Every structure is written in C-alpha cells, then in structure tokens.
Amino acid sequence: MSEGLSRRRRGATTIEEVARAAGVSRQTVSNAINAPQKVRPETLARVTATVERLGYQPDQSARSLRTGARRTLGYLAPVDDPFDPNPLMAGFLEALVDAAGAEGQRVLLFRPAPGTADPRPAIDELLAARQVDGLVLADVLRDDLRVAHVVRSGVPFAAFGRTGAGSPQHWVDIDNTAAMAAVAGHLAAQGHRRVGFVGGAAGLPWMADRREGFRAEADRLGLTVAEPGELGTGAQGDGVAAVRALLRGADRPTAVAAGSDLLAMDVYEAVRAEGLTVGRDVAVVGFHDTPLCRHLHPALTSVRLPLPAIAAGLVRLLLAQVRGEQPPGKGLELPAELVVRDSSR
C-alpha cells in the first residue's frame, strides 16, 4: 500500500490536496463543490474526478461556521410506544429522511423529556443550541400550540397538517375530503346502498374532513349512511361493541368505511363476532394503507397517503424559508390513492 493511500485512510483528504492533484487553485475546488456554474466544464470534470478519486469530503462544520447553515432539519417526533409504534408515522419518518437527504440535509429527531407533555421547552432548547435550520411538525391541529410557539420564535417551519387561519400556511396535507368521497363512490359502484362510517375522535380535523367527505358524496349518490357514534382509537372493546350494534338488524349496512386502518380492524372483529364474513357480507375500507392492510384476511382496501410526496413538499417548503424566499400564501394539498383489495371487491 502506498504511503499516500495509507495517509488518506488514516486522516481526511484536504481541499489543498485536491487542488494540487487537479492542478487548480483552492478556490477553484471550492467553486466546483459549492458553485459549479462558475467553473468551466472541462475544469469541473477534472476537479470532480479528483474529488471522487481522493475521497474528499467537505468540512461541513467549517461551512456551517462560515454560512450559518447547519444543513440539518429538526423533526419533533410524536410520542409513541416503542413496542407498538404508529406504522404511518414510521413510514413518514422514512420518507422525510429520504427527502432531506436528496437535498443534502439531515434530520435530527427530538421530543419532550419523558413524562413532559409540553413540547415548547424541547423546542426552545434545540433552537438555543443552534443545531437546526428549521423544524418539521406533524399531526398538526388547527390551533396547535407548537405552531404558535414556533411562529413566535421566528424559526422556519413546515407542518404535516393544516395550520389555523391565523397562522402562516406553511403546511402540506392530503385532501381528506376528496379521499373519502372516492371511498363512497367505490362502495356505490360495488352496488352498496346502505353504508356505515366509523370515525375517530371528532376533535381531530382530518377525521372531521373524512367524515364530511364520505357523507357528502354518499348523500349525492343516494346512499344511506349509518354511524355508531364517536369512537376513540384506544378503546378497542367499546369500538367493537358499537360496530356490532350497527351490524344488527335486517337493515344493517352492507359496507363500512373506517377513518383509519386501526378502526377498520375493529370493524373486522365486529363483523366476525356477528357471524358475518368480511368482503362477502360486509365490505370494509380503511384509511392510511399501513403495512397491516396486506396481511389481514381478506386484505384490506384502504386509502394510501403519498408519504414521499408529502415529505418532499415539506422539505422544499422549509428550505425555501431557510434561503429567505417568500413561501406561498396557501398550503400544498395532495391527492391520496384508493387501493382496492379483497375486503371491498
């Protein structure tokens, strides 16, 4: 092994070494990395090849000191059970890391201290440490105290979920109303005339939009809609009992749409408890298209969220603010996709 190769493996290659090997100045190497449009094509090709051959990695800490940019986005992770994690938000995190990486950014996860419900101290601590260029928030409510706090701090942010009318519209979300209208249309096309809707907590804005979208389209199509009332996502026994009551009687619904895949599992259990068969006696549709949908029997029809597009939109929106650009005056609304499987064919 040559002395040069051994030395490069023991320590980082410097920009001066790249410049000497490529026969250019140190500034030319810097321009090739940070402002390639300033470098002639043949010189850029030579410098790029030298950078790859020597394995040069720019000193990000020095760049951060010079420019003030950390190239790191903070993500306030929802509090979750590590033994029973939310599969939707796990998928969103994967998409967010990929989207940030495509822009040369990293994602720093943080959350309130254990046993602490108020996220604001954790936000303040992170911002005081100057570790991130901006924040990504998820599960955002219309009057979210996190949004109000971040707005007061002046830090760039982007929200997965719509902010309230009095807040900056720095959000990306799906069209929940249209997504559930598509579910109603699908069930009508399968010949169902009496349908049920099982929603979660009414205070969640996305659940309210899903209920509104389903009911409005069902009414337009002449379908009769029955509901068991508000169901919490944590009280599975109560939810199953409520759906069982909905399924009793000669005029029971022949299809049930659920506001989440977890609620759809309650419907599966209730259907079977009543001696009926999912997909044959009662069609079932969920929402989120989490991985469990493909493993249920029968496989669950569900609404798939475009998580990669959501994450990419959030990163673009956040980085535009970091660059000092004026973000749009309204949020970005994306369509969702109905994935039809055997539970509702």
Foldseek 3Di string as FASTA:
>chain_A
DDPLVVVCVVDADDLCVLCVVLVHDSVQLVCLVVPVVVDDPVSSVSSVVSCVVSVHDDDQVVVCVVPVAQLEEEEADDDADPVDGDLLVVVLVVLLQVLSVVVVHGYDYDYDDPPDDDGLVVVVVVVVVSNHQAYEYELDAQDRPVQVSRVVVVGFYAYADAYHPVGFARYEYAQLLQLLLVVLVLLVVLPWQEEEEAFEDCRRVSRVSNVNSNVVSSVVVNHHYDYLDHHHLPCLVVLLVSLLVQQDDPRRGQEYEYAAVSSQVSNCVNCVVNVHHQLPRYAYEHEQPGVCQVVDVVRHWYKHDPSNVRSNSRVVSRVCVSVVHDHDRHYHYHYIDTDDTRRRD
